[in-house]
Amino acid sequence: MFADSVRSLRPTRRQLLIGAGTAAGAATLGATTATGPAAAAPGRTGIDWPRGQVLPHFATPDMLDLIDLTDATDADQLLVASLQGLVNRTRPRIATLRPADEGGLTWLHTAGLRYRTVDAPADLLRRYRSVVRGVVVTDPDLPATRNLATTLAGLHDAVIAAPDQLAGLADLPVVADLRGRFADEIGAYRWAVDTLWPHAEHRILIGLDPENTLCDLRDYAVATKALTLWIHPDVPESRAIGDRVMSEMAPGTAFLGWWPAGVGGESDGTELTSRHGLIVLAADHSQNLTVFGGAPAPVAGGQRTLPAPPLANRVYVTFSMTEGDNLQYNQHKMRQLWDDPGRGAVPLNWSTNPLLIDAAPAFLSHYQRTATRNDYLMAGPSGAGYAYPSPWPDDALGAFTGMTARYMRRTGMQTAVILNRIDGADVPLSAAEAARYIRDVRPLGLFKDWTDRTELSVLHRDTPQAVSYLTSSVAEAQAAIADSAAGWSGDAPLFLSIGILSWNLNPTDVATIAASLSDPYTVVRGDQFFRLARRARQLPRR
């Protein structure tokens, strides 16, 4: 059935080979040819993905062929992304360059990876022609076919081409021609689920906007042979497609990518995946994960401790950067914030993702190695991946809490942020959910929600939980602290958790906020905050 269906998409006559004309739009990188230490010794090839590991490990990268896609056409970006996925599946040898918050080459240098520049997609395709078995042609009138082509490319070792590239192409057989095959997006994705999903990798699902001209993460989709969709959780026909696929995936499986419609799509989409026992990893703008997933780097199973001050009747304030569950944030914006000269001036909690030990260990290793005594790394919502615990099937929640415990231990994280929503509204953990999470993860403490208030409570009789007041400006944070402390009697310690919106504020801003606080305020790290809270509430030590 699968082979017959794909054959029905082939044209009667066309053969493809990238011509010199397709080089237009791919900028060069200048004279630099290599950087970093000596190449790693040859070793394992292919993807390593044992049972219990959420994301695959790629082989150690060779000398990388680096191509600048800053000015590349949409078609060239698709072609390069698909070729990158095919090649890097065996051993990472292709990396792409685009402008990035942290600098386009920053992580390649941090990871000590060597590269040489390649001028055009044609050069790459000639170099790796032996890896490619065919071409998939997209339909320019139906962007959804880009996602179908991504799945087909992974399954058939093919590259993706647009029709206007065909005149300059020859020598590669056309695996599938998607032009005119589908009336609309829903029909295209139904066909993909009927025909491609049975043959795709079931340990991962990709969600990408087919109209996004960037091709970040498509290399990862091709390399892992993942099904790539674009699910609208608020559209019944589209949601039904998501339900069908996710119902056939094991609890703890990762959905990488993102959702339509901004925050509403985020809540609806994450609730959808949670109801099926899946985690979300925002990654639609993650670059070169097929490279960084193989770049070796030491990840520590602990981090520097900072003793808590003596408990007193003071107002203890802790600041937490948001967005840490987000893989593309870990790669881009977090690195930019991490390099801010104000970092280290005051205690600051950094939410990040323990699954970086799979996805890009060099990222997490860098944050661990360069942390100051005032930097505290903790797991972003809601542990090992973004999930809402309450919608999870009761009999599957242990899969999430169990893997969260494993990954937090391996990455030295003792504290986590939890977001928990139903129908877009924050909801408390049930007694059973709290008990399961605390029994398995054994956190020092939990930060709960990003909202318009802050309060400290005790969860399951033995774990402090702090609701965080989310702020997006210096003035708002100062007002939130003042308002939250306004009714304090001074007869007992007061604990205030302030969320710092990472897209708006940086460590220098946090230092400014902290500098505006005087007696009786004390700014502390998250671990100090929860140890003090345990003393104040007479809870067991961790």
Protein backbone atom coordinates (compact mmCIF):
# COMPACT_ATOMS: atom_id res chain seq x y z
CA MET A 1 0.00 0.00 0.00
CA PHE A 2 2.75 2.44 0.98
CA ALA A 3 4.86 1.77 -2.10
CA ASP A 4 1.82 1.89 -4.38
CA SER A 5 0.66 5.19 -2.88
CA VAL A 6 4.06 6.78 -3.32
CA ARG A 7 4.38 5.46 -6.87
CA SER A 8 1.07 7.13 -7.69
CA LEU A 9 2.70 10.48 -6.87
CA ARG A 10 5.60 10.05 -9.28
CA PRO A 11 5.60 11.99 -12.55
CA THR A 12 5.89 10.02 -15.77
CA ARG A 13 9.10 11.77 -16.79
CA ARG A 14 11.46 13.97 -14.82
CA GLN A 15 14.90 13.47 -13.40
CA LEU A 16 16.61 15.85 -11.06
CA LEU A 17 20.08 17.10 -10.30
CA ILE A 18 20.83 20.42 -8.73
CA GLY A 19 22.27 22.79 -11.30
CA ALA A 20 24.62 25.67 -10.82
CA GLY A 21 21.70 28.07 -11.11
CA THR A 22 20.26 27.04 -7.75
CA ALA A 23 23.18 28.65 -5.96
CA ALA A 24 21.46 32.04 -6.11
CA GLY A 25 20.65 33.44 -2.72
CA ALA A 26 23.12 31.38 -0.67
CA ALA A 27 25.68 33.85 0.68
CA THR A 28 29.32 32.93 1.23
CA LEU A 29 31.12 33.11 4.54
CA GLY A 30 34.43 34.61 3.50
CA ALA A 31 37.88 33.15 3.71
CA THR A 32 37.64 31.20 6.97
CA THR A 33 38.06 27.48 6.34
CA ALA A 34 38.25 25.82 9.75
CA THR A 35 38.11 26.52 13.44
CA GLY A 36 38.22 24.70 16.74
CA PRO A 37 40.34 21.84 18.05
CA ALA A 38 41.35 18.73 16.17
CA ALA A 39 38.55 16.56 14.88
CA ALA A 40 37.22 13.83 17.15
CA ALA A 41 38.47 10.32 16.52
CA PRO A 42 36.31 8.22 14.19
CA GLY A 43 33.77 6.13 16.03
CA ARG A 44 30.14 5.13 15.99
CA THR A 45 27.99 6.15 13.06
CA GLY A 46 24.25 6.43 12.84
CA ILE A 47 21.66 7.38 15.44
CA ASP A 48 21.83 5.97 18.96
CA TRP A 49 18.37 5.82 20.55
CA PRO A 50 18.09 3.20 23.29
CA ARG A 51 14.95 2.46 25.24
CA GLY A 52 14.22 5.10 27.88
CA GLN A 53 16.08 7.87 26.03
CA VAL A 54 13.68 10.61 24.94
CA LEU A 55 15.68 11.99 22.01
CA PRO A 56 18.32 10.40 19.80
CA HIS A 57 22.06 10.89 20.03
CA PHE A 58 23.82 11.48 16.73
CA ALA A 59 27.36 10.39 15.93
CA THR A 60 30.29 12.66 16.74
CA PRO A 61 30.54 15.31 13.99
CA ASP A 62 33.27 15.21 11.38
CA MET A 63 34.67 18.33 9.77
CA LEU A 64 31.47 20.22 8.97
CA ASP A 65 30.52 21.72 5.64
CA LEU A 66 28.99 25.05 6.65
CA ILE A 67 26.62 26.84 4.28
CA ASP A 68 25.23 30.32 4.85
CA LEU A 69 21.47 30.37 4.20
CA THR A 70 20.92 33.98 5.25
CA ASP A 71 19.83 35.05 1.76
CA ALA A 72 18.84 31.65 0.41
CA THR A 73 15.55 31.12 -1.39
CA ASP A 74 12.80 29.11 0.28
CA ALA A 75 13.42 26.28 -2.17
CA ASP A 76 17.14 26.17 -1.46
CA GLN A 77 16.51 26.14 2.27
CA LEU A 78 14.19 23.15 1.92
CA LEU A 79 16.65 21.33 -0.27
CA VAL A 80 19.59 21.94 2.07
CA ALA A 81 17.59 21.03 5.19
CA SER A 82 16.55 17.71 3.66
CA LEU A 83 20.10 16.97 2.50
CA GLN A 84 21.44 17.90 5.93
CA GLY A 85 19.05 15.43 7.56
CA LEU A 86 20.02 12.60 5.21
CA VAL A 87 23.75 13.15 5.61
CA ASN A 88 23.78 13.84 9.33
CA ARG A 89 21.72 10.74 10.05
CA THR A 90 24.90 8.73 9.53
CA ARG A 91 27.40 11.27 10.86
CA PRO A 92 26.96 15.06 11.20
CA ARG A 93 28.81 16.68 8.30
CA ILE A 94 26.56 19.59 7.28
CA ALA A 95 25.75 22.70 9.31
CA THR A 96 23.76 25.75 8.28
CA LEU A 97 24.27 29.38 9.21
CA ARG A 98 21.69 32.11 9.73
CA PRO A 99 21.59 35.23 11.89
CA ALA A 100 20.84 34.35 15.52
CA ASP A 101 20.44 36.16 18.83
CA GLU A 102 23.62 34.62 20.16
CA GLY A 103 25.61 34.96 16.91
CA GLY A 104 25.46 32.50 14.05
CA LEU A 105 28.78 30.78 14.80
CA THR A 106 28.74 31.03 18.59
CA TRP A 107 27.68 27.49 19.43
CA LEU A 108 29.91 25.90 16.80
CA HIS A 109 32.86 27.61 18.47
CA THR A 110 31.65 26.77 21.98
CA ALA A 111 31.31 23.10 21.03
CA GLY A 112 34.79 23.10 19.47
CA LEU A 113 33.49 21.97 16.08
CA ARG A 114 35.59 22.42 12.96
CA TYR A 115 34.05 23.66 9.74
CA ARG A 116 34.85 24.66 6.20
CA THR A 117 32.62 26.90 4.14
CA VAL A 118 30.55 25.81 1.16
CA ASP A 119 29.28 28.42 -1.24
CA ALA A 120 26.11 26.93 -2.70
CA PRO A 121 23.56 24.11 -2.40
CA ALA A 122 24.86 22.74 -5.68
CA ASP A 123 28.26 22.18 -4.12
CA LEU A 124 26.75 20.34 -1.18
CA LEU A 125 24.63 18.12 -3.37
CA ARG A 126 27.55 17.18 -5.58
CA ARG A 127 29.63 16.33 -2.51
CA TYR A 128 26.94 14.10 -0.99
CA ARG A 129 25.24 12.82 -4.13
CA SER A 130 25.83 9.20 -3.10
CA VAL A 131 23.58 9.62 -0.07
CA VAL A 132 20.58 10.84 -2.07
CA ARG A 133 18.23 8.35 -3.72
CA GLY A 134 15.66 10.72 -5.17
CA VAL A 135 13.65 13.93 -5.05
CA VAL A 136 10.26 14.92 -3.65
CA VAL A 137 8.53 17.80 -5.46
CA THR A 138 6.33 20.18 -3.45
CA ASP A 139 3.14 21.90 -4.59
CA PRO A 140 3.63 25.69 -4.39
CA ASP A 141 -0.15 26.13 -4.21
CA LEU A 142 -0.41 24.03 -1.05
CA PRO A 143 2.23 24.79 1.60
CA ALA A 144 1.22 21.69 3.58
CA THR A 145 3.04 19.62 0.96
CA ARG A 146 6.31 20.93 2.41
CA ASN A 147 5.54 18.91 5.52
CA LEU A 148 4.53 15.86 3.51
CA ALA A 149 7.73 16.22 1.50
CA THR A 150 9.73 16.38 4.72
CA THR A 151 8.32 13.04 5.84
CA LEU A 152 8.75 11.48 2.41
CA ALA A 153 12.33 12.71 2.18
CA GLY A 154 13.17 11.01 5.46
CA LEU A 155 11.52 7.75 4.50
CA HIS A 156 12.99 7.59 0.98
CA ASP A 157 16.43 9.19 1.44
CA ALA A 158 15.35 12.01 -0.84
CA VAL A 159 15.83 15.74 -1.06
CA ILE A 160 13.01 18.26 -1.40
CA ALA A 161 12.68 20.41 -4.51
CA ALA A 162 10.27 23.07 -5.74
CA PRO A 163 8.92 22.89 -9.30
CA ASP A 164 10.88 25.92 -10.43
CA GLN A 165 14.09 24.05 -9.67
CA LEU A 166 13.27 21.18 -12.01
CA ALA A 167 14.56 22.75 -15.21
CA GLY A 168 18.08 22.78 -13.84
CA LEU A 169 17.93 19.31 -12.29
CA ALA A 170 18.68 15.90 -13.71
CA ASP A 171 20.01 12.47 -12.77
CA LEU A 172 17.96 11.93 -9.61
CA PRO A 173 14.68 9.98 -9.83
CA VAL A 174 11.55 11.67 -8.59
CA VAL A 175 10.25 9.75 -5.59
CA ALA A 176 7.01 11.71 -5.36
CA ASP A 177 5.45 14.70 -7.10
CA LEU A 178 2.91 16.32 -4.80
CA ARG A 179 1.57 18.91 -7.25
CA GLY A 180 -2.18 18.86 -7.67
CA ARG A 181 -2.65 15.83 -5.47
CA PHE A 182 -4.61 17.38 -2.61
CA ALA A 183 -7.49 19.83 -2.43
CA ASP A 184 -6.54 21.27 0.94
CA GLU A 185 -4.33 20.94 4.00
CA ILE A 186 -6.68 18.58 5.84
CA GLY A 187 -6.78 16.19 2.92
CA ALA A 188 -3.01 16.27 2.61
CA TYR A 189 -2.45 15.48 6.28
CA ARG A 190 -5.09 12.74 6.29
CA TRP A 191 -3.23 11.11 3.41
CA ALA A 192 0.04 11.48 5.31
CA VAL A 193 -1.42 9.78 8.37
CA ASP A 194 -3.01 7.01 6.31
CA THR A 195 0.00 6.37 4.11
CA LEU A 196 3.19 7.65 5.74
CA TRP A 197 2.56 7.38 9.47
CA PRO A 198 2.66 3.56 9.57
CA HIS A 199 6.23 3.73 8.22
CA ALA A 200 7.42 6.79 10.14
CA GLU A 201 9.26 6.85 13.47
CA HIS A 202 6.72 6.63 16.31
CA ARG A 203 9.09 7.86 19.04
CA ILE A 204 8.86 11.44 17.84
CA LEU A 205 6.35 13.76 16.16
CA ILE A 206 7.18 17.06 14.47
CA GLY A 207 4.94 20.13 14.20
CA LEU A 208 6.10 22.82 11.75
CA ASP A 209 4.36 25.75 10.10
CA PRO A 210 4.62 24.97 6.38
CA GLU A 211 4.45 28.68 5.55
CA ASN A 212 7.48 29.52 7.66
CA THR A 213 10.21 30.22 5.13
CA LEU A 214 12.95 29.11 7.54
CA CYS A 215 13.69 25.41 7.62
CA ASP A 216 14.94 25.01 11.18
CA LEU A 217 14.23 21.54 12.58
CA ARG A 218 13.45 20.03 9.16
CA ASP A 219 16.88 18.41 9.12
CA TYR A 220 15.95 16.74 12.42
CA ALA A 221 12.62 15.54 11.02
CA VAL A 222 14.30 14.03 7.97
CA ALA A 223 17.12 12.43 9.96
CA THR A 224 14.73 10.76 12.41
CA LYS A 225 12.15 9.78 9.75
CA ALA A 226 9.48 11.62 11.73
CA LEU A 227 5.97 12.44 10.60
CA THR A 228 5.71 16.22 10.14
CA LEU A 229 2.31 17.89 10.54
CA TRP A 230 0.83 21.29 11.37
CA ILE A 231 -1.97 20.75 13.85
CA HIS A 232 -4.55 23.43 14.66
CA PRO A 233 -5.89 22.36 18.08
CA ASP A 234 -8.91 24.67 17.74
CA VAL A 235 -9.98 23.25 14.35
CA PRO A 236 -11.92 19.98 14.84
CA GLU A 237 -10.74 18.31 11.63
CA SER A 238 -7.12 19.18 12.35
CA ARG A 239 -7.35 18.24 16.01
CA ALA A 240 -8.78 14.86 15.01
CA ILE A 241 -5.67 14.20 12.94
CA GLY A 242 -3.53 15.00 15.97
CA ASP A 243 -5.67 12.80 18.19
CA ARG A 244 -5.33 9.89 15.82
CA VAL A 245 -1.55 10.06 15.59
CA MET A 246 -0.91 10.78 19.26
CA SER A 247 -3.17 7.95 20.39
CA GLU A 248 -0.69 5.56 18.78
CA MET A 249 2.36 6.99 20.57
CA ALA A 250 3.80 5.79 23.88
CA PRO A 251 3.61 7.95 27.02
CA GLY A 252 6.64 10.18 27.34
CA THR A 253 7.12 10.55 23.58
CA ALA A 254 8.25 13.98 22.39
CA PHE A 255 6.38 16.39 20.13
CA LEU A 256 8.96 18.83 18.70
CA GLY A 257 8.01 22.06 16.99
CA TRP A 258 5.15 24.33 17.92
CA TRP A 259 1.53 25.31 17.40
CA PRO A 260 -0.43 27.96 15.50
CA ALA A 261 -2.09 31.01 17.06
CA GLY A 262 0.42 32.10 19.67
CA VAL A 263 -0.39 31.64 23.34
CA GLY A 264 -3.85 30.19 22.70
CA GLY A 265 -2.32 27.60 20.42
CA GLU A 266 0.30 26.90 23.07
CA SER A 267 -2.24 26.12 25.79
CA ASP A 268 -4.60 24.17 23.54
CA GLY A 269 -1.78 22.29 21.86
CA THR A 270 0.04 21.39 25.05
CA GLU A 271 -3.21 20.24 26.62
CA LEU A 272 -3.82 18.07 23.54
CA THR A 273 -0.41 16.41 23.78
CA SER A 274 -0.72 16.05 27.55
CA ARG A 275 -4.04 14.22 27.19
CA HIS A 276 -2.18 11.68 25.09
CA GLY A 277 0.80 11.49 27.46
CA LEU A 278 3.24 13.37 25.21
CA ILE A 279 5.69 16.13 26.09
CA VAL A 280 6.22 19.28 24.02
CA LEU A 281 9.63 20.65 23.09
CA ALA A 282 9.35 24.06 21.44
CA ALA A 283 11.97 23.68 18.74
CA ASP A 284 10.66 25.08 15.46
CA HIS A 285 13.53 27.61 15.42
CA SER A 286 16.19 25.23 16.73
CA GLN A 287 19.13 25.15 14.34
CA ASN A 288 21.50 22.30 13.59
CA LEU A 289 20.15 19.87 16.18
CA THR A 290 21.43 17.05 13.98
CA VAL A 291 24.89 18.49 14.62
CA PHE A 292 24.61 19.46 18.28
CA GLY A 293 22.86 16.19 19.07
CA GLY A 294 26.20 14.52 18.38
CA ALA A 295 28.68 17.10 19.68
CA PRO A 296 30.18 15.57 22.83
CA ALA A 297 30.27 17.65 26.00
CA PRO A 298 30.44 16.77 29.70
CA VAL A 299 27.20 17.30 31.62
CA ALA A 300 27.54 17.41 35.39
CA GLY A 301 25.20 15.59 37.73
CA GLY A 302 25.30 18.45 40.23
CA GLN A 303 25.87 22.17 40.51
CA ARG A 304 27.57 24.52 42.91
CA THR A 305 25.66 24.89 46.16
CA LEU A 306 25.21 28.21 47.90
CA PRO A 307 24.50 27.97 51.65
CA ALA A 308 21.29 29.63 52.75
CA PRO A 309 21.64 32.57 55.13
CA PRO A 310 20.29 32.23 58.68
CA LEU A 311 16.50 32.31 58.74
CA ALA A 312 15.16 35.64 59.98
CA ASN A 313 11.97 37.66 59.80
CA ARG A 314 12.79 39.16 56.44
CA VAL A 315 11.27 39.30 52.96
CA TYR A 316 13.07 36.72 50.83
CA VAL A 317 12.86 37.41 47.10
CA THR A 318 13.92 35.05 44.34
CA PHE A 319 13.98 35.87 40.62
CA SER A 320 13.42 33.24 37.90
CA MET A 321 13.96 33.58 34.16
CA THR A 322 11.08 32.06 32.17
CA GLU A 323 11.01 29.98 28.95
CA GLY A 324 13.47 27.26 29.96
CA ASP A 325 11.43 24.39 28.53
CA ASN A 326 11.97 25.90 25.08
CA LEU A 327 14.85 24.27 23.16
CA GLN A 328 15.20 27.16 20.73
CA TYR A 329 15.30 29.58 23.67
CA ASN A 330 18.06 27.46 25.23
CA GLN A 331 20.00 27.84 22.00
CA HIS A 332 19.33 31.46 21.11
CA LYS A 333 17.84 33.92 23.59
CA MET A 334 19.16 32.21 26.73
CA ARG A 335 22.72 32.35 25.39
CA GLN A 336 22.28 36.04 24.64
CA LEU A 337 20.98 36.63 28.17
CA TRP A 338 23.72 34.43 29.63
CA ASP A 339 26.34 36.62 27.96
CA ASP A 340 24.81 39.78 29.46
CA PRO A 341 27.47 41.58 31.54
CA GLY A 342 25.06 41.88 34.45
CA ARG A 343 24.83 38.11 34.97
CA GLY A 344 26.27 37.04 38.30
CA ALA A 345 25.69 40.35 40.05
CA VAL A 346 22.68 39.04 41.97
CA PRO A 347 21.15 35.60 42.60
CA LEU A 348 19.11 34.47 39.60
CA ASN A 349 17.32 31.22 38.73
CA TRP A 350 17.57 30.00 35.15
CA SER A 351 14.92 27.58 33.96
CA THR A 352 16.30 25.27 31.30
CA ASN A 353 15.56 21.82 29.91
CA PRO A 354 17.19 18.66 31.31
CA LEU A 355 16.52 17.01 27.94
CA LEU A 356 19.37 19.10 26.54
CA ILE A 357 21.55 16.19 27.65
CA ASP A 358 20.01 14.38 24.66
CA ALA A 359 19.24 17.22 22.26
CA ALA A 360 22.37 19.37 22.61
CA PRO A 361 24.65 18.52 25.54
CA ALA A 362 27.08 21.28 24.55
CA PHE A 363 24.43 23.88 25.43
CA LEU A 364 23.82 22.57 28.92
CA SER A 365 27.50 21.87 29.50
CA HIS A 366 28.34 25.49 28.69
CA TYR A 367 25.76 26.84 31.10
CA GLN A 368 26.97 24.53 33.84
CA ARG A 369 30.67 25.28 33.33
CA THR A 370 30.31 29.05 33.14
CA ALA A 371 27.71 29.55 35.88
CA THR A 372 28.65 31.97 38.65
CA ARG A 373 27.86 31.32 42.30
CA ASN A 374 24.70 33.39 41.82
CA ASP A 375 23.37 31.35 38.87
CA TYR A 376 20.99 28.49 39.65
CA LEU A 377 19.88 26.05 36.94
CA MET A 378 16.49 24.40 37.32
CA ALA A 379 14.09 22.44 35.13
CA GLY A 380 11.61 24.47 33.11
CA PRO A 381 7.94 23.55 32.79
CA SER A 382 7.20 20.93 33.83
CA GLY A 383 10.36 18.88 34.22
CA ALA A 384 11.62 16.70 31.38
CA GLY A 385 9.62 18.55 28.74
CA TYR A 386 6.65 20.89 28.62
CA ALA A 387 3.50 19.19 29.87
CA TYR A 388 0.40 19.84 31.97
CA PRO A 389 0.15 17.09 34.60
CA SER A 390 -3.62 17.24 35.19
CA PRO A 391 -4.71 16.38 31.62
CA TRP A 392 -2.29 13.42 31.49
CA PRO A 393 -3.95 10.01 31.68
CA ASP A 394 -3.79 8.89 35.31
CA ASP A 395 -2.18 5.59 34.41
CA ALA A 396 0.54 7.32 32.36
CA LEU A 397 1.60 10.18 34.64
CA GLY A 398 4.28 7.96 36.14
CA ALA A 399 6.01 7.83 32.75
CA PHE A 400 6.44 11.60 32.90
CA THR A 401 7.41 11.90 36.56
CA GLY A 402 9.77 8.95 36.24
CA MET A 403 11.65 10.35 33.27
CA THR A 404 11.66 13.80 34.88
CA ALA A 405 13.35 12.29 37.93
CA ARG A 406 15.95 10.50 35.80
CA TYR A 407 16.81 13.49 33.66
CA MET A 408 16.90 15.95 36.55
CA ARG A 409 19.26 13.70 38.48
CA ARG A 410 21.53 13.28 35.47
CA THR A 411 21.72 17.05 34.96
CA GLY A 412 22.05 18.11 38.59
CA MET A 413 18.70 19.90 38.85
CA GLN A 414 16.80 19.82 42.14
CA THR A 415 14.06 22.34 41.43
CA ALA A 416 11.43 22.56 38.70
CA VAL A 417 8.80 24.90 37.34
CA ILE A 418 5.34 23.43 36.81
CA LEU A 419 2.66 24.81 34.54
CA ASN A 420 -0.70 23.09 34.76
CA ARG A 421 -3.62 24.21 32.62
CA ILE A 422 -7.01 22.99 31.55
CA ASP A 423 -8.95 24.96 28.93
CA GLY A 424 -6.29 27.66 29.11
CA ALA A 425 -6.70 28.29 32.85
CA ASP A 426 -4.13 27.54 35.55
CA VAL A 427 -5.30 24.76 37.86
CA PRO A 428 -3.73 23.26 40.99
CA LEU A 429 -2.28 19.79 41.03
CA SER A 430 -4.64 17.24 42.49
CA ALA A 431 -3.53 15.46 45.65
CA ALA A 432 -2.74 12.34 43.65
CA GLU A 433 -0.79 14.27 40.99
CA ALA A 434 1.20 16.14 43.62
CA ALA A 435 1.95 12.92 45.48
CA ARG A 436 3.16 11.19 42.33
CA TYR A 437 5.34 14.09 41.24
CA ILE A 438 6.91 14.56 44.67
CA ARG A 439 7.41 10.85 45.33
CA ASP A 440 9.19 10.30 42.01
CA VAL A 441 11.04 13.58 41.48
CA ARG A 442 11.75 14.49 45.13
CA PRO A 443 12.32 18.17 44.34
CA LEU A 444 13.82 20.65 46.76
CA GLY A 445 10.85 22.84 45.86
CA LEU A 446 8.52 23.71 42.98
CA PHE A 447 7.72 26.98 41.26
CA LYS A 448 4.11 26.90 40.05
CA ASP A 449 2.67 29.01 37.22
CA TRP A 450 3.59 32.43 35.87
CA THR A 451 0.72 34.61 37.02
CA ASP A 452 -0.32 37.89 38.72
CA ARG A 453 0.42 37.01 42.33
CA THR A 454 2.97 35.18 44.48
CA GLU A 455 2.42 32.96 47.47
CA LEU A 456 4.13 30.12 49.28
CA SER A 457 2.31 26.93 50.20
CA VAL A 458 3.16 23.37 51.19
CA LEU A 459 2.45 20.60 48.71
CA HIS A 460 1.80 17.06 49.89
CA ARG A 461 2.76 18.01 53.45
CA ASP A 462 6.50 18.06 52.74
CA THR A 463 7.40 20.19 49.69
CA PRO A 464 7.34 24.00 49.39
CA GLN A 465 5.59 25.38 46.33
CA ALA A 466 5.86 29.01 45.25
CA VAL A 467 3.45 30.63 42.81
CA SER A 468 5.43 33.14 40.73
CA TYR A 469 4.40 36.70 39.92
CA LEU A 470 5.27 37.18 36.23
CA THR A 471 6.77 40.57 35.33
CA SER A 472 7.91 42.06 32.03
CA SER A 473 9.56 45.36 33.02
CA VAL A 474 11.71 46.75 35.81
CA ALA A 475 8.88 48.96 37.03
CA GLU A 476 6.39 46.09 37.00
CA ALA A 477 8.73 43.88 39.01
CA GLN A 478 9.35 46.62 41.56
CA ALA A 479 5.61 47.20 41.91
CA ALA A 480 4.92 43.46 42.19
CA ILE A 481 7.39 43.13 45.05
CA ALA A 482 6.08 46.20 46.85
CA ASP A 483 2.44 45.15 46.46
CA SER A 484 3.14 41.57 47.54
CA ALA A 485 4.92 42.73 50.70
CA ALA A 486 2.49 45.53 51.54
CA GLY A 487 0.54 43.55 54.14
CA TRP A 488 3.53 41.89 55.77
CA SER A 489 3.51 42.18 59.57
CA GLY A 490 7.19 41.41 60.08
CA ASP A 491 6.37 38.66 62.59
CA ALA A 492 7.51 35.83 60.28
CA PRO A 493 9.56 35.41 57.10
CA LEU A 494 7.82 36.29 53.83
CA PHE A 495 8.71 34.51 50.59
CA LEU A 496 8.19 36.19 47.19
CA SER A 497 8.81 34.45 43.86
CA ILE A 498 9.14 36.85 40.93
CA GLY A 499 9.06 35.56 37.35
CA ILE A 500 11.23 37.49 34.88
CA LEU A 501 9.89 37.36 31.31
CA SER A 502 12.99 36.39 29.39
CA TRP A 503 11.91 38.00 26.12
CA ASN A 504 11.72 41.43 27.82
CA LEU A 505 14.25 41.52 30.66
CA ASN A 506 17.91 40.58 31.13
CA PRO A 507 20.25 40.01 34.09
CA THR A 508 21.24 43.68 34.15
CA ASP A 509 17.56 44.55 34.60
CA VAL A 510 17.30 42.03 37.44
CA ALA A 511 20.32 43.64 39.10
CA THR A 512 18.57 47.01 38.80
CA ILE A 513 15.45 45.60 40.45
CA ALA A 514 17.51 44.01 43.23
CA ALA A 515 19.45 47.24 43.83
CA SER A 516 16.18 49.06 44.46
CA LEU A 517 15.42 46.75 47.40
CA SER A 518 16.69 47.62 50.86
CA ASP A 519 16.08 46.31 54.36
CA PRO A 520 14.14 44.05 55.09
CA TYR A 521 14.54 42.45 51.63
CA THR A 522 17.05 39.68 50.88
CA VAL A 523 17.52 38.34 47.35
CA VAL A 524 18.33 34.62 47.26
CA ARG A 525 18.80 31.79 44.76
CA GLY A 526 16.04 29.26 44.27
CA ASP A 527 17.77 26.57 46.30
CA GLN A 528 18.35 29.01 49.17
CA PHE A 529 14.74 30.15 48.86
CA PHE A 530 13.35 26.65 49.29
CA ARG A 531 15.77 25.66 52.05
CA LEU A 532 14.74 28.76 53.99
CA ALA A 533 11.08 27.97 53.28
CA ARG A 534 11.58 24.44 54.60
CA ARG A 535 13.03 25.81 57.81
CA ALA A 536 10.27 28.37 58.17
CA ARG A 537 7.55 25.75 57.61
CA GLN A 538 9.42 23.03 59.56
CA LEU A 539 9.55 20.68 56.58
CA PRO A 540 12.01 17.82 56.05
CA ARG A 541 15.40 18.70 54.61
CA ARG A 542 16.38 17.61 51.10
